[in-house]
């Protein structure tokens, strides 16, 4: 059996997986501190920790799938690394901004802005590839 190697997507999936794990562990830490087993119990730090984790869970999988499809379509490695690095940076910025401040923050603004840019750019890149390759 021949294995398909997807080294770029695999690298960023592993790094983002570690970020998601760190965010989950942060939620557990806040739950223990606040003595809250379910929900946020009105604890604002726990609520922010939960949203930082939840937002990553809501955003990262779809963008990684798009990146995987771009890698399967043989997009240049440099482009893929640019997309992957931008995704990783955007999620770090967003989580950091959300965990440090309740309310608007530069980290949340830039993190979500970059994530939304990727959510626009990657599907357009795939459509462009399909139209030109078809």
C-alpha atoms as a PDB file:
ATOM      1  CA  UNK A   1       0.000   0.000   0.000  1.00  0.00           C
ATOM      2  CA  UNK A   2       1.353   3.433  -0.925  1.00  0.00           C
ATOM      3  CA  UNK A   3       0.992   6.183   1.639  1.00  0.00           C
ATOM      4  CA  UNK A   4       0.086   9.666   0.489  1.00  0.00           C
ATOM      5  CA  UNK A   5       2.363  12.143   2.195  1.00  0.00           C
ATOM      6  CA  UNK A   6       0.913  15.523   3.006  1.00  0.00           C
ATOM      7  CA  UNK A   7       3.788  17.026   4.978  1.00  0.00           C
ATOM      8  CA  UNK A   8       2.709  20.658   5.039  1.00  0.00           C
ATOM      9  CA  UNK A   9      -0.866  20.108   6.170  1.00  0.00           C
ATOM     10  CA  UNK A  10       0.341  17.443   8.590  1.00  0.00           C
ATOM     11  CA  UNK A  11       2.790  19.881  10.178  1.00  0.00           C
ATOM     12  CA  UNK A  12       0.189  22.614  10.711  1.00  0.00           C
ATOM     13  CA  UNK A  13      -2.481  20.112  11.825  1.00  0.00           C
ATOM     14  CA  UNK A  14      -0.044  18.861  14.480  1.00  0.00           C
ATOM     15  CA  UNK A  15       0.850  22.382  15.641  1.00  0.00           C
ATOM     16  CA  UNK A  16      -2.770  23.521  15.702  1.00  0.00           C
ATOM     17  CA  UNK A  17      -3.735  20.298  17.460  1.00  0.00           C
ATOM     18  CA  UNK A  18      -1.278  21.197  20.205  1.00  0.00           C
ATOM     19  CA  UNK A  19      -2.793  24.680  20.450  1.00  0.00           C
ATOM     20  CA  UNK A  20      -6.286  23.193  20.769  1.00  0.00           C
ATOM     21  CA  UNK A  21      -5.025  20.802  23.452  1.00  0.00           C
ATOM     22  CA  UNK A  22      -3.449  23.708  25.366  1.00  0.00           C
ATOM     23  CA  UNK A  23      -6.724  25.647  25.151  1.00  0.00           C
ATOM     24  CA  UNK A  24      -8.675  22.595  26.405  1.00  0.00           C
ATOM     25  CA  UNK A  25      -6.292  22.173  29.330  1.00  0.00           C
ATOM     26  CA  UNK A  26      -6.738  25.865  30.103  1.00  0.00           C
ATOM     27  CA  UNK A  27     -10.511  25.338  30.290  1.00  0.00           C
ATOM     28  CA  UNK A  28      -9.978  22.430  32.699  1.00  0.00           C
ATOM     29  CA  UNK A  29      -7.676  24.574  34.851  1.00  0.00           C
ATOM     30  CA  UNK A  30     -10.278  27.345  35.031  1.00  0.00           C
ATOM     31  CA  UNK A  31     -13.068  24.850  35.778  1.00  0.00           C
ATOM     32  CA  UNK A  32     -11.116  23.481  38.721  1.00  0.00           C
ATOM     33  CA  UNK A  33     -10.279  26.963  39.989  1.00  0.00           C
ATOM     34  CA  UNK A  34     -13.907  28.105  39.738  1.00  0.00           C
ATOM     35  CA  UNK A  35     -15.411  24.793  40.932  1.00  0.00           C
ATOM     36  CA  UNK A  36     -17.652  24.647  37.843  1.00  0.00           C
ATOM     37  CA  UNK A  37     -18.331  21.297  36.189  1.00  0.00           C
ATOM     38  CA  UNK A  38     -20.764  22.406  33.470  1.00  0.00           C
ATOM     39  CA  UNK A  39     -21.222  25.737  31.743  1.00  0.00           C
ATOM     40  CA  UNK A  40     -19.294  28.776  32.906  1.00  0.00           C
ATOM     41  CA  UNK A  41     -20.990  29.356  36.279  1.00  0.00           C
ATOM     42  CA  UNK A  42     -20.877  33.098  35.612  1.00  0.00           C
ATOM     43  CA  UNK A  43     -17.077  33.072  35.869  1.00  0.00           C
ATOM     44  CA  UNK A  44     -15.769  35.499  33.243  1.00  0.00           C
ATOM     45  CA  UNK A  45     -12.291  33.955  33.008  1.00  0.00           C
ATOM     46  CA  UNK A  46     -13.790  30.507  32.499  1.00  0.00           C
ATOM     47  CA  UNK A  47     -16.160  31.906  29.885  1.00  0.00           C
ATOM     48  CA  UNK A  48     -13.237  33.462  27.967  1.00  0.00           C
ATOM     49  CA  UNK A  49     -11.236  30.223  28.232  1.00  0.00           C
ATOM     50  CA  UNK A  50     -14.218  28.269  26.886  1.00  0.00           C
ATOM     51  CA  UNK A  51     -14.693  30.689  23.977  1.00  0.00           C
ATOM     52  CA  UNK A  52     -10.988  30.660  23.082  1.00  0.00           C
ATOM     53  CA  UNK A  53     -11.144  26.858  22.881  1.00  0.00           C
ATOM     54  CA  UNK A  54     -14.555  26.807  21.187  1.00  0.00           C
ATOM     55  CA  UNK A  55     -13.601  29.352  18.563  1.00  0.00           C
ATOM     56  CA  UNK A  56     -10.506  27.344  17.645  1.00  0.00           C
ATOM     57  CA  UNK A  57     -12.626  24.183  17.390  1.00  0.00           C
ATOM     58  CA  UNK A  58     -15.128  26.040  15.180  1.00  0.00           C
ATOM     59  CA  UNK A  59     -12.515  27.543  12.859  1.00  0.00           C
ATOM     60  CA  UNK A  60      -9.439  25.320  12.591  1.00  0.00           C
ATOM     61  CA  UNK A  61     -10.936  22.077  11.179  1.00  0.00           C
ATOM     62  CA  UNK A  62     -12.582  23.723   8.160  1.00  0.00           C
ATOM     63  CA  UNK A  63      -9.468  25.722   7.319  1.00  0.00           C
ATOM     64  CA  UNK A  64      -7.256  22.644   7.672  1.00  0.00           C
ATOM     65  CA  UNK A  65      -9.563  20.716   5.318  1.00  0.00           C
ATOM     66  CA  UNK A  66      -9.255  23.516   2.764  1.00  0.00           C
ATOM     67  CA  UNK A  67      -5.482  23.479   3.195  1.00  0.00           C
ATOM     68  CA  UNK A  68      -5.454  19.698   2.746  1.00  0.00           C
ATOM     69  CA  UNK A  69      -7.373  20.029  -0.509  1.00  0.00           C
ATOM     70  CA  UNK A  70      -4.926  22.663  -1.720  1.00  0.00           C
ATOM     71  CA  UNK A  71      -2.016  20.361  -0.900  1.00  0.00           C
ATOM     72  CA  UNK A  72      -3.714  17.480  -2.728  1.00  0.00           C
ATOM     73  CA  UNK A  73      -4.177  19.830  -5.693  1.00  0.00           C
ATOM     74  CA  UNK A  74      -0.377  20.298  -5.680  1.00  0.00           C
ATOM     75  CA  UNK A  75      -0.311  23.988  -4.822  1.00  0.00           C
ATOM     76  CA  UNK A  76       3.260  25.208  -4.327  1.00  0.00           C
ATOM     77  CA  UNK A  77       4.788  24.324  -0.967  1.00  0.00           C
ATOM     78  CA  UNK A  78       5.710  27.946  -0.248  1.00  0.00           C
ATOM     79  CA  UNK A  79       2.059  28.979  -0.647  1.00  0.00           C
ATOM     80  CA  UNK A  80       0.927  26.161   1.632  1.00  0.00           C
ATOM     81  CA  UNK A  81       3.438  27.139   4.307  1.00  0.00           C
ATOM     82  CA  UNK A  82       2.288  30.746   4.005  1.00  0.00           C
ATOM     83  CA  UNK A  83      -1.314  29.690   4.515  1.00  0.00           C
ATOM     84  CA  UNK A  84      -0.442  27.326   7.363  1.00  0.00           C
ATOM     85  CA  UNK A  85       1.742  29.861   9.166  1.00  0.00           C
ATOM     86  CA  UNK A  86      -0.954  32.520   8.771  1.00  0.00           C
ATOM     87  CA  UNK A  87      -3.531  30.121  10.187  1.00  0.00           C
ATOM     88  CA  UNK A  88      -1.339  29.274  13.165  1.00  0.00           C
ATOM     89  CA  UNK A  89      -0.518  32.924  13.859  1.00  0.00           C
ATOM     90  CA  UNK A  90      -4.164  33.951  13.497  1.00  0.00           C
ATOM     91  CA  UNK A  91      -5.292  31.357  16.028  1.00  0.00           C
ATOM     92  CA  UNK A  92      -2.525  32.280  18.487  1.00  0.00           C
ATOM     93  CA  UNK A  93      -3.414  35.963  18.185  1.00  0.00           C
ATOM     94  CA  UNK A  94      -7.120  35.302  18.622  1.00  0.00           C
ATOM     95  CA  UNK A  95      -6.722  33.010  21.625  1.00  0.00           C
ATOM     96  CA  UNK A  96      -4.220  35.352  23.266  1.00  0.00           C
ATOM     97  CA  UNK A  97      -6.427  38.369  22.733  1.00  0.00           C
ATOM     98  CA  UNK A  98      -9.500  36.618  24.062  1.00  0.00           C
ATOM     99  CA  UNK A  99      -7.758  35.174  27.114  1.00  0.00           C
ATOM    100  CA  UNK A 100      -6.092  38.444  28.110  1.00  0.00           C
ATOM    101  CA  UNK A 101      -9.012  40.868  27.746  1.00  0.00           C
ATOM    102  CA  UNK A 102     -12.744  40.656  27.937  1.00  0.00           C
ATOM    103  CA  UNK A 103     -14.085  42.711  25.079  1.00  0.00           C
ATOM    104  CA  UNK A 104     -12.404  43.921  21.911  1.00  0.00           C
ATOM    105  CA  UNK A 105      -8.638  43.502  21.639  1.00  0.00           C
ATOM    106  CA  UNK A 106      -6.031  43.813  18.881  1.00  0.00           C
ATOM    107  CA  UNK A 107      -5.284  40.077  19.132  1.00  0.00           C
ATOM    108  CA  UNK A 108      -8.903  39.126  18.576  1.00  0.00           C
ATOM    109  CA  UNK A 109      -9.260  41.641  15.734  1.00  0.00           C
ATOM    110  CA  UNK A 110      -6.145  40.495  13.881  1.00  0.00           C
ATOM    111  CA  UNK A 111      -6.662  36.837  14.678  1.00  0.00           C
ATOM    112  CA  UNK A 112     -10.224  36.721  13.438  1.00  0.00           C
ATOM    113  CA  UNK A 113      -9.436  39.009  10.506  1.00  0.00           C
ATOM    114  CA  UNK A 114      -6.653  36.718   9.303  1.00  0.00           C
ATOM    115  CA  UNK A 115      -8.827  33.632   9.826  1.00  0.00           C
ATOM    116  CA  UNK A 116     -11.648  35.186   7.799  1.00  0.00           C
ATOM    117  CA  UNK A 117      -9.179  36.185   5.081  1.00  0.00           C
ATOM    118  CA  UNK A 118      -8.051  32.554   4.876  1.00  0.00           C
ATOM    119  CA  UNK A 119     -11.685  31.394   4.830  1.00  0.00           C
ATOM    120  CA  UNK A 120     -12.175  33.615   1.774  1.00  0.00           C
ATOM    121  CA  UNK A 121      -8.841  33.026   0.040  1.00  0.00           C
ATOM    122  CA  UNK A 122      -8.513  29.236   0.260  1.00  0.00           C
ATOM    123  CA  UNK A 123     -11.914  28.411  -1.305  1.00  0.00           C
ATOM    124  CA  UNK A 124     -11.194  30.927  -4.074  1.00  0.00           C
ATOM    125  CA  UNK A 125      -7.840  29.242  -4.704  1.00  0.00           C
ATOM    126  CA  UNK A 126      -9.594  25.861  -4.960  1.00  0.00           C
ATOM    127  CA  UNK A 127     -12.276  27.214  -7.286  1.00  0.00           C
ATOM    128  CA  UNK A 128      -9.583  28.819  -9.446  1.00  0.00           C
ATOM    129  CA  UNK A 129      -7.719  25.509  -9.607  1.00  0.00           C
ATOM    130  CA  UNK A 130     -10.826  23.507 -10.489  1.00  0.00           C
ATOM    131  CA  UNK A 131     -11.889  25.951 -13.215  1.00  0.00           C
ATOM    132  CA  UNK A 132      -8.429  26.089 -14.778  1.00  0.00           C
ATOM    133  CA  UNK A 133      -7.773  22.359 -14.394  1.00  0.00           C
ATOM    134  CA  UNK A 134     -11.252  21.382 -15.614  1.00  0.00           C
END
